[in-house]
Amino acid sequence: MRDGSLEETCDHLRFWHAIGTDEKLRCYTSLQYKARSWSRPRRVIARIECSLRPDAKEPGYCRQEVDIRYVVTSLEGSPEHIYESVYCRRGQMENLIKLHKTQLASDRMSCHSATANQVRLVLHTAAFWLMHGVRAAIPATSTLAKAEFATIRERLVKIAARVIEHAARIRIQLPTSCPEGALFRAVAFRSVAIGSLSGGAVAPSSRRMRQINPKRVARRVGSHRPGRGTATHARHQGCETGQHGA
């Protein structure tokens, strides 16, 4: 896809990138384009980025390259807003859905009951938000700040540690050779601070946590009868009314 105005924009971007000091330079433009199979012209957003890339023919040297991304849209707005705020965020949502399915196995619906599968999906979603919160607590300067959940699980969750429960706190002792000890400590402190600000701090419990069985939860949900609670509530109201009448 080539257009006279697009070529002129690319030439201007090459010029300003050559005389500037920025590693990358980016601009946006829009144009009307009609393919052979289209019944009418459509609006096309072009993201143009100029950068220096290593030259394969001459090692040790770099050459200027222009990368162009096209997005066909019918939305109104500036090209930069449509590309950065609409298109790129849609891609981020797809990446989060991919993490939810592939790295947390949320598509495993092996139970025979639909309610049990629904409970299983809720548990996978809770695990997703837990991992998402851990990644949000990682400092931006760390290499794991934008890592996938599998990498975070291997380097921050699946590590050997000694857990000691006290009356008022829980102490976690990491080995002296833990490569991510400083990062684990930073994430723990930031998670506690975020939980205290949001009112989600929970007092430690000395009871051992049991593994949740989706089928058992489904049976309890299915055996719940709303009518029983309603009748009990009505009886209590009747007793109270009788007392007040007496």
C-alpha atoms as a PDB file:
ATOM      1  CA  MET A   1       0.000   0.000   0.000  1.00  0.00           C
ATOM      2  CA  ARG A   2       1.699   3.171  -1.212  1.00  0.00           C
ATOM      3  CA  ASP A   3       0.375   6.702  -1.495  1.00  0.00           C
ATOM      4  CA  GLY A   4       1.937  10.034  -2.447  1.00  0.00           C
ATOM      5  CA  SER A   5       1.198  11.645   0.921  1.00  0.00           C
ATOM      6  CA  LEU A   6       2.437   8.532   2.734  1.00  0.00           C
ATOM      7  CA  GLU A   7       5.750   8.613   0.844  1.00  0.00           C
ATOM      8  CA  GLU A   8       6.145  12.294   1.688  1.00  0.00           C
ATOM      9  CA  THR A   9       5.490  11.599   5.370  1.00  0.00           C
ATOM     10  CA  CYS A  10       8.104   8.809   5.339  1.00  0.00           C
ATOM     11  CA  ASP A  11      10.684  11.141   3.754  1.00  0.00           C
ATOM     12  CA  HIS A  12      10.049  13.814   6.403  1.00  0.00           C
ATOM     13  CA  LEU A  13      10.379  11.213   9.154  1.00  0.00           C
ATOM     14  CA  ARG A  14      13.694   9.928   7.732  1.00  0.00           C
ATOM     15  CA  PHE A  15      15.036  13.478   7.605  1.00  0.00           C
ATOM     16  CA  TRP A  16      14.121  14.388  11.186  1.00  0.00           C
ATOM     17  CA  HIS A  17      15.406  11.048  12.449  1.00  0.00           C
ATOM     18  CA  ALA A  18      18.739  11.537  10.655  1.00  0.00           C
ATOM     19  CA  ILE A  19      19.380  14.976  12.177  1.00  0.00           C
ATOM     20  CA  GLY A  20      18.002  14.070  15.625  1.00  0.00           C
ATOM     21  CA  THR A  21      19.372  12.057  18.523  1.00  0.00           C
ATOM     22  CA  ASP A  22      16.350   9.820  19.222  1.00  0.00           C
ATOM     23  CA  GLU A  23      16.803   6.093  18.734  1.00  0.00           C
ATOM     24  CA  LYS A  24      13.301   5.771  17.296  1.00  0.00           C
ATOM     25  CA  LEU A  25      10.948   8.310  15.809  1.00  0.00           C
ATOM     26  CA  ARG A  26       7.257   7.643  15.212  1.00  0.00           C
ATOM     27  CA  CYS A  27       4.389   9.469  13.520  1.00  0.00           C
ATOM     28  CA  TYR A  28       0.832   8.702  12.408  1.00  0.00           C
ATOM     29  CA  THR A  29      -1.228   9.503   9.356  1.00  0.00           C
ATOM     30  CA  SER A  30      -4.456   8.401   7.674  1.00  0.00           C
ATOM     31  CA  LEU A  31      -5.437   7.875   4.056  1.00  0.00           C
ATOM     32  CA  GLN A  32      -8.240   6.491   1.912  1.00  0.00           C
ATOM     33  CA  TYR A  33      -7.604   3.116   0.262  1.00  0.00           C
ATOM     34  CA  LYS A  34      -9.709   0.780  -1.849  1.00  0.00           C
ATOM     35  CA  ALA A  35      -8.720  -2.799  -2.592  1.00  0.00           C
ATOM     36  CA  ARG A  36     -10.035  -4.637  -5.621  1.00  0.00           C
ATOM     37  CA  SER A  37     -12.436  -6.711  -3.565  1.00  0.00           C
ATOM     38  CA  TRP A  38     -13.798  -3.715  -1.644  1.00  0.00           C
ATOM     39  CA  SER A  39     -16.981  -1.990  -2.755  1.00  0.00           C
ATOM     40  CA  ARG A  40     -15.831   1.443  -1.543  1.00  0.00           C
ATOM     41  CA  PRO A  41     -12.713   3.184  -0.192  1.00  0.00           C
ATOM     42  CA  ARG A  42     -12.014   2.789   3.491  1.00  0.00           C
ATOM     43  CA  ARG A  43     -10.024   4.764   6.020  1.00  0.00           C
ATOM     44  CA  VAL A  44      -6.573   3.344   6.768  1.00  0.00           C
ATOM     45  CA  ILE A  45      -4.431   4.403   9.749  1.00  0.00           C
ATOM     46  CA  ALA A  46      -0.667   4.193   9.183  1.00  0.00           C
ATOM     47  CA  ARG A  47       1.830   4.057  12.035  1.00  0.00           C
ATOM     48  CA  ILE A  48       5.278   4.988  10.685  1.00  0.00           C
ATOM     49  CA  GLU A  49       8.393   4.329  12.763  1.00  0.00           C
ATOM     50  CA  CYS A  50      11.969   5.111  11.778  1.00  0.00           C
ATOM     51  CA  SER A  51      14.880   3.480  13.615  1.00  0.00           C
ATOM     52  CA  LEU A  52      18.446   2.232  13.204  1.00  0.00           C
ATOM     53  CA  ARG A  53      18.981  -1.496  12.671  1.00  0.00           C
ATOM     54  CA  PRO A  54      22.250  -3.466  12.387  1.00  0.00           C
ATOM     55  CA  ASP A  55      23.339  -3.929   8.806  1.00  0.00           C
ATOM     56  CA  ALA A  56      23.725  -7.613   7.922  1.00  0.00           C
ATOM     57  CA  LYS A  57      25.940  -6.837   4.912  1.00  0.00           C
ATOM     58  CA  GLU A  58      28.326  -4.590   6.836  1.00  0.00           C
ATOM     59  CA  PRO A  59      28.892  -5.814  10.419  1.00  0.00           C
ATOM     60  CA  GLY A  60      29.409  -3.025  12.932  1.00  0.00           C
ATOM     61  CA  TYR A  61      27.298  -0.531  10.984  1.00  0.00           C
ATOM     62  CA  CYS A  62      23.630   0.408  11.223  1.00  0.00           C
ATOM     63  CA  ARG A  63      21.195   1.419   8.556  1.00  0.00           C
ATOM     64  CA  GLN A  64      18.002   3.444   8.722  1.00  0.00           C
ATOM     65  CA  GLU A  65      14.785   1.480   8.377  1.00  0.00           C
ATOM     66  CA  VAL A  66      11.146   2.540   8.199  1.00  0.00           C
ATOM     67  CA  ASP A  67       8.474   0.243   9.610  1.00  0.00           C
ATOM     68  CA  ILE A  68       4.832   0.866   8.655  1.00  0.00           C
ATOM     69  CA  ARG A  69       1.788  -0.724  10.305  1.00  0.00           C
ATOM     70  CA  TYR A  70      -1.668  -0.379   8.760  1.00  0.00           C
ATOM     71  CA  VAL A  71      -5.048  -0.512  10.513  1.00  0.00           C
ATOM     72  CA  VAL A  72      -8.336  -0.388   8.565  1.00  0.00           C
ATOM     73  CA  THR A  73     -11.028   1.294  10.634  1.00  0.00           C
ATOM     74  CA  SER A  74     -14.351   3.089  10.464  1.00  0.00           C
ATOM     75  CA  LEU A  75     -13.888   4.943  13.757  1.00  0.00           C
ATOM     76  CA  GLU A  76     -13.608   8.690  14.032  1.00  0.00           C
ATOM     77  CA  GLY A  77     -10.671  10.315  15.781  1.00  0.00           C
ATOM     78  CA  SER A  78      -7.022  11.146  15.392  1.00  0.00           C
ATOM     79  CA  PRO A  79      -4.759   8.442  13.916  1.00  0.00           C
ATOM     80  CA  GLU A  80      -2.592   8.360  17.042  1.00  0.00           C
ATOM     81  CA  HIS A  81      -5.591   7.877  19.357  1.00  0.00           C
ATOM     82  CA  ILE A  82      -7.074   5.093  17.240  1.00  0.00           C
ATOM     83  CA  TYR A  83      -3.780   3.207  16.971  1.00  0.00           C
ATOM     84  CA  GLU A  84      -2.431   3.620  20.517  1.00  0.00           C
ATOM     85  CA  SER A  85      -5.606   3.803  22.613  1.00  0.00           C
ATOM     86  CA  VAL A  86      -7.910   1.494  20.623  1.00  0.00           C
ATOM     87  CA  TYR A  87      -5.911  -0.949  18.519  1.00  0.00           C
ATOM     88  CA  CYS A  88      -2.967  -1.547  20.888  1.00  0.00           C
ATOM     89  CA  ARG A  89      -5.231  -1.930  23.919  1.00  0.00           C
ATOM     90  CA  ARG A  90      -7.293  -4.499  22.041  1.00  0.00           C
ATOM     91  CA  GLY A  91      -4.092  -6.450  21.458  1.00  0.00           C
ATOM     92  CA  GLN A  92      -3.265  -6.219  25.160  1.00  0.00           C
ATOM     93  CA  MET A  93      -6.679  -7.661  26.029  1.00  0.00           C
ATOM     94  CA  GLU A  94      -6.027 -10.590  23.682  1.00  0.00           C
ATOM     95  CA  ASN A  95      -2.672 -11.192  25.368  1.00  0.00           C
ATOM     96  CA  LEU A  96      -4.335 -11.297  28.798  1.00  0.00           C
ATOM     97  CA  ILE A  97      -6.930 -13.771  27.523  1.00  0.00           C
ATOM     98  CA  LYS A  98      -4.096 -15.919  26.146  1.00  0.00           C
ATOM     99  CA  LEU A  99      -2.378 -15.892  29.552  1.00  0.00           C
ATOM    100  CA  HIS A 100      -5.678 -16.846  31.209  1.00  0.00           C
ATOM    101  CA  LYS A 101      -6.171 -19.851  28.935  1.00  0.00           C
ATOM    102  CA  THR A 102      -2.707 -21.192  28.128  1.00  0.00           C
ATOM    103  CA  GLN A 103      -0.660 -20.493  31.262  1.00  0.00           C
ATOM    104  CA  LEU A 104      -3.374 -20.917  33.899  1.00  0.00           C
ATOM    105  CA  ALA A 105      -5.263 -23.747  32.138  1.00  0.00           C
ATOM    106  CA  SER A 106      -8.639 -22.040  32.464  1.00  0.00           C
ATOM    107  CA  ASP A 107      -9.993 -24.024  29.496  1.00  0.00           C
ATOM    108  CA  ARG A 108      -9.830 -27.312  31.426  1.00  0.00           C
ATOM    109  CA  MET A 109     -13.473 -28.223  31.979  1.00  0.00           C
ATOM    110  CA  SER A 110     -13.107 -31.897  32.851  1.00  0.00           C
ATOM    111  CA  CYS A 111     -15.935 -32.102  35.404  1.00  0.00           C
ATOM    112  CA  HIS A 112     -19.263 -33.690  34.410  1.00  0.00           C
ATOM    113  CA  SER A 113     -21.314 -30.994  36.134  1.00  0.00           C
ATOM    114  CA  ALA A 114     -21.703 -27.542  34.620  1.00  0.00           C
ATOM    115  CA  THR A 115     -21.707 -25.987  38.092  1.00  0.00           C
ATOM    116  CA  ALA A 116     -18.421 -27.688  38.948  1.00  0.00           C
ATOM    117  CA  ASN A 117     -16.884 -26.387  35.724  1.00  0.00           C
ATOM    118  CA  GLN A 118     -18.137 -22.914  36.580  1.00  0.00           C
ATOM    119  CA  VAL A 119     -16.503 -23.138  40.016  1.00  0.00           C
ATOM    120  CA  ARG A 120     -13.298 -24.338  38.371  1.00  0.00           C
ATOM    121  CA  LEU A 121     -13.368 -21.310  36.045  1.00  0.00           C
ATOM    122  CA  VAL A 122     -13.860 -18.986  39.030  1.00  0.00           C
ATOM    123  CA  LEU A 123     -10.809 -20.519  40.725  1.00  0.00           C
ATOM    124  CA  HIS A 124      -8.715 -20.066  37.569  1.00  0.00           C
ATOM    125  CA  THR A 125      -9.872 -16.440  37.370  1.00  0.00           C
ATOM    126  CA  ALA A 126      -8.855 -15.900  40.996  1.00  0.00           C
ATOM    127  CA  ALA A 127      -5.419 -17.334  40.169  1.00  0.00           C
ATOM    128  CA  PHE A 128      -5.234 -14.968  37.188  1.00  0.00           C
ATOM    129  CA  TRP A 129      -5.896 -11.901  39.355  1.00  0.00           C
ATOM    130  CA  LEU A 130      -3.369 -13.147  41.920  1.00  0.00           C
ATOM    131  CA  MET A 131      -0.637 -13.481  39.283  1.00  0.00           C
ATOM    132  CA  HIS A 132      -1.668 -10.175  37.734  1.00  0.00           C
ATOM    133  CA  GLY A 133      -1.311  -8.489  41.126  1.00  0.00           C
ATOM    134  CA  VAL A 134       2.113 -10.036  41.644  1.00  0.00           C
ATOM    135  CA  ARG A 135       3.277  -8.766  38.261  1.00  0.00           C
ATOM    136  CA  ALA A 136       1.866  -5.300  39.013  1.00  0.00           C
ATOM    137  CA  ALA A 137       3.881  -5.229  42.267  1.00  0.00           C
ATOM    138  CA  ILE A 138       7.163  -5.961  40.470  1.00  0.00           C
ATOM    139  CA  PRO A 139       9.256  -2.774  40.047  1.00  0.00           C
ATOM    140  CA  ALA A 140       9.345  -1.393  36.516  1.00  0.00           C
ATOM    141  CA  THR A 141      13.150  -1.610  36.431  1.00  0.00           C
ATOM    142  CA  SER A 142      13.103  -5.391  36.830  1.00  0.00           C
ATOM    143  CA  THR A 143      13.282  -7.763  33.874  1.00  0.00           C
ATOM    144  CA  LEU A 144      10.170  -9.547  35.185  1.00  0.00           C
ATOM    145  CA  ALA A 145       7.993  -6.413  35.099  1.00  0.00           C
ATOM    146  CA  LYS A 146       6.543  -7.451  31.724  1.00  0.00           C
ATOM    147  CA  ALA A 147       7.188 -11.184  31.944  1.00  0.00           C
ATOM    148  CA  GLU A 148       4.541 -13.812  31.353  1.00  0.00           C
ATOM    149  CA  PHE A 149       2.875 -15.691  34.179  1.00  0.00           C
ATOM    150  CA  ALA A 150       4.835 -18.887  33.533  1.00  0.00           C
ATOM    151  CA  THR A 151       8.149 -17.052  33.965  1.00  0.00           C
ATOM    152  CA  ILE A 152       6.975 -15.341  37.152  1.00  0.00           C
ATOM    153  CA  ARG A 153       5.739 -18.655  38.530  1.00  0.00           C
ATOM    154  CA  GLU A 154       9.078 -20.364  37.841  1.00  0.00           C
ATOM    155  CA  ARG A 155      11.234 -17.579  39.315  1.00  0.00           C
ATOM    156  CA  LEU A 156       9.133 -16.160  42.164  1.00  0.00           C
ATOM    157  CA  VAL A 157       6.573 -18.800  43.179  1.00  0.00           C
ATOM    158  CA  LYS A 158       8.265 -22.170  42.697  1.00  0.00           C
ATOM    159  CA  ILE A 159      11.206 -21.488  45.017  1.00  0.00           C
ATOM    160  CA  ALA A 160      12.244 -23.329  48.175  1.00  0.00           C
ATOM    161  CA  ALA A 161      11.557 -21.441  51.396  1.00  0.00           C
ATOM    162  CA  ARG A 162      10.823 -22.037  55.072  1.00  0.00           C
ATOM    163  CA  VAL A 163       7.491 -20.644  56.310  1.00  0.00           C
ATOM    164  CA  ILE A 164       7.264 -19.879  60.035  1.00  0.00           C
ATOM    165  CA  GLU A 165       3.903 -18.809  61.499  1.00  0.00           C
ATOM    166  CA  HIS A 166       3.941 -16.550  64.548  1.00  0.00           C
ATOM    167  CA  ALA A 167       1.029 -15.130  66.498  1.00  0.00           C
ATOM    168  CA  ALA A 168       1.054 -11.792  64.681  1.00  0.00           C
ATOM    169  CA  ARG A 169       3.023 -12.429  61.494  1.00  0.00           C
ATOM    170  CA  ILE A 170       4.193 -15.017  58.993  1.00  0.00           C
ATOM    171  CA  ARG A 171       7.940 -15.205  58.396  1.00  0.00           C
ATOM    172  CA  ILE A 172       9.342 -16.548  55.118  1.00  0.00           C
ATOM    173  CA  GLN A 173      13.020 -17.522  55.112  1.00  0.00           C
ATOM    174  CA  LEU A 174      14.581 -17.755  51.668  1.00  0.00           C
ATOM    175  CA  PRO A 175      17.865 -19.557  51.004  1.00  0.00           C
ATOM    176  CA  THR A 176      20.962 -17.370  50.900  1.00  0.00           C
ATOM    177  CA  SER A 177      21.621 -18.456  47.310  1.00  0.00           C
ATOM    178  CA  CYS A 178      18.177 -17.387  46.033  1.00  0.00           C
ATOM    179  CA  PRO A 179      18.837 -15.278  42.894  1.00  0.00           C
ATOM    180  CA  GLU A 180      15.523 -13.398  43.194  1.00  0.00           C
ATOM    181  CA  GLY A 181      15.600 -12.825  46.951  1.00  0.00           C
ATOM    182  CA  ALA A 182      15.698  -9.036  46.753  1.00  0.00           C
ATOM    183  CA  LEU A 183      12.904  -8.993  44.169  1.00  0.00           C
ATOM    184  CA  PHE A 184      10.782 -11.401  46.242  1.00  0.00           C
ATOM    185  CA  ARG A 185      11.169  -9.116  49.271  1.00  0.00           C
ATOM    186  CA  ALA A 186      10.248  -6.022  47.243  1.00  0.00           C
ATOM    187  CA  VAL A 187       7.165  -7.689  45.764  1.00  0.00           C
ATOM    188  CA  ALA A 188       6.050  -8.910  49.209  1.00  0.00           C
ATOM    189  CA  PHE A 189       6.327  -5.439  50.763  1.00  0.00           C
ATOM    190  CA  ARG A 190       4.556  -3.739  47.854  1.00  0.00           C
ATOM    191  CA  SER A 191       1.759  -6.342  47.894  1.00  0.00           C
ATOM    192  CA  VAL A 192       1.202  -5.806  51.617  1.00  0.00           C
ATOM    193  CA  ALA A 193       1.106  -2.031  51.106  1.00  0.00           C
ATOM    194  CA  ILE A 194      -1.403  -2.323  48.260  1.00  0.00           C
ATOM    195  CA  GLY A 195      -3.580  -4.711  50.283  1.00  0.00           C
ATOM    196  CA  SER A 196      -3.623  -2.419  53.308  1.00  0.00           C
ATOM    197  CA  LEU A 197      -4.580   0.593  51.184  1.00  0.00           C
ATOM    198  CA  SER A 198      -7.428  -1.275  49.489  1.00  0.00           C
ATOM    199  CA  GLY A 199      -8.725  -2.700  52.747  1.00  0.00           C
ATOM    200  CA  GLY A 200      -7.910  -6.267  51.713  1.00  0.00           C
ATOM    201  CA  ALA A 201      -5.602  -7.119  54.597  1.00  0.00           C
ATOM    202  CA  VAL A 202      -6.554 -10.412  56.216  1.00  0.00           C
ATOM    203  CA  ALA A 203      -5.379 -11.607  59.610  1.00  0.00           C
ATOM    204  CA  PRO A 204      -3.191 -14.733  59.466  1.00  0.00           C
ATOM    205  CA  SER A 205      -4.838 -18.003  60.399  1.00  0.00           C
ATOM    206  CA  SER A 206      -3.147 -20.950  62.062  1.00  0.00           C
ATOM    207  CA  ARG A 207      -5.434 -23.514  60.436  1.00  0.00           C
ATOM    208  CA  ARG A 208      -4.075 -25.496  57.544  1.00  0.00           C
ATOM    209  CA  MET A 209      -5.658 -24.547  54.226  1.00  0.00           C
ATOM    210  CA  ARG A 210      -7.467 -27.395  52.482  1.00  0.00           C
ATOM    211  CA  GLN A 211      -7.441 -27.942  48.742  1.00  0.00           C
ATOM    212  CA  ILE A 212     -10.730 -26.803  47.187  1.00  0.00           C
ATOM    213  CA  ASN A 213     -12.612 -29.524  45.344  1.00  0.00           C
ATOM    214  CA  PRO A 214     -14.804 -28.083  42.553  1.00  0.00           C
ATOM    215  CA  LYS A 215     -17.188 -31.070  42.650  1.00  0.00           C
ATOM    216  CA  ARG A 216     -17.732 -30.688  46.403  1.00  0.00           C
ATOM    217  CA  VAL A 217     -18.450 -26.979  46.010  1.00  0.00           C
ATOM    218  CA  ALA A 218     -20.868 -27.752  43.154  1.00  0.00           C
ATOM    219  CA  ARG A 219     -22.776 -30.248  45.320  1.00  0.00           C
ATOM    220  CA  ARG A 220     -23.077 -27.695  48.112  1.00  0.00           C
ATOM    221  CA  VAL A 221     -24.306 -25.041  45.691  1.00  0.00           C
ATOM    222  CA  GLY A 222     -26.824 -27.459  44.147  1.00  0.00           C
ATOM    223  CA  SER A 223     -28.152 -28.579  47.522  1.00  0.00           C
ATOM    224  CA  HIS A 224     -28.904 -25.007  48.608  1.00  0.00           C
ATOM    225  CA  ARG A 225     -32.662 -24.359  48.830  1.00  0.00           C
ATOM    226  CA  PRO A 226     -33.686 -20.706  48.923  1.00  0.00           C
ATOM    227  CA  GLY A 227     -37.195 -21.604  50.105  1.00  0.00           C
ATOM    228  CA  ARG A 228     -35.900 -22.992  53.409  1.00  0.00           C
ATOM    229  CA  GLY A 229     -34.194 -19.725  54.309  1.00  0.00           C
ATOM    230  CA  THR A 230     -37.277 -17.752  53.274  1.00  0.00           C
ATOM    231  CA  ALA A 231     -39.579 -19.861  55.443  1.00  0.00           C
ATOM    232  CA  THR A 232     -37.253 -19.551  58.437  1.00  0.00           C
ATOM    233  CA  HIS A 233     -37.103 -15.808  57.961  1.00  0.00           C
ATOM    234  CA  ALA A 234     -40.918 -15.684  57.765  1.00  0.00           C
ATOM    235  CA  ARG A 235     -41.259 -17.689  60.977  1.00  0.00           C
ATOM    236  CA  HIS A 236     -38.892 -15.301  62.760  1.00  0.00           C
ATOM    237  CA  GLN A 237     -40.903 -12.373  61.508  1.00  0.00           C
ATOM    238  CA  GLY A 238     -44.109 -14.028  62.689  1.00  0.00           C
ATOM    239  CA  CYS A 239     -42.640 -14.604  66.143  1.00  0.00           C
ATOM    240  CA  GLU A 240     -41.504 -11.026  66.354  1.00  0.00           C
ATOM    241  CA  THR A 241     -44.922  -9.802  65.232  1.00  0.00           C
ATOM    242  CA  GLY A 242     -46.640 -11.978  67.798  1.00  0.00           C
ATOM    243  CA  GLN A 243     -44.403 -10.703  70.538  1.00  0.00           C
ATOM    244  CA  HIS A 244     -45.049  -7.100  69.625  1.00  0.00           C
ATOM    245  CA  GLY A 245     -48.804  -7.785  69.410  1.00  0.00           C
ATOM    246  CA  ALA A 246     -48.826  -9.393  72.828  1.00  0.00           C
END
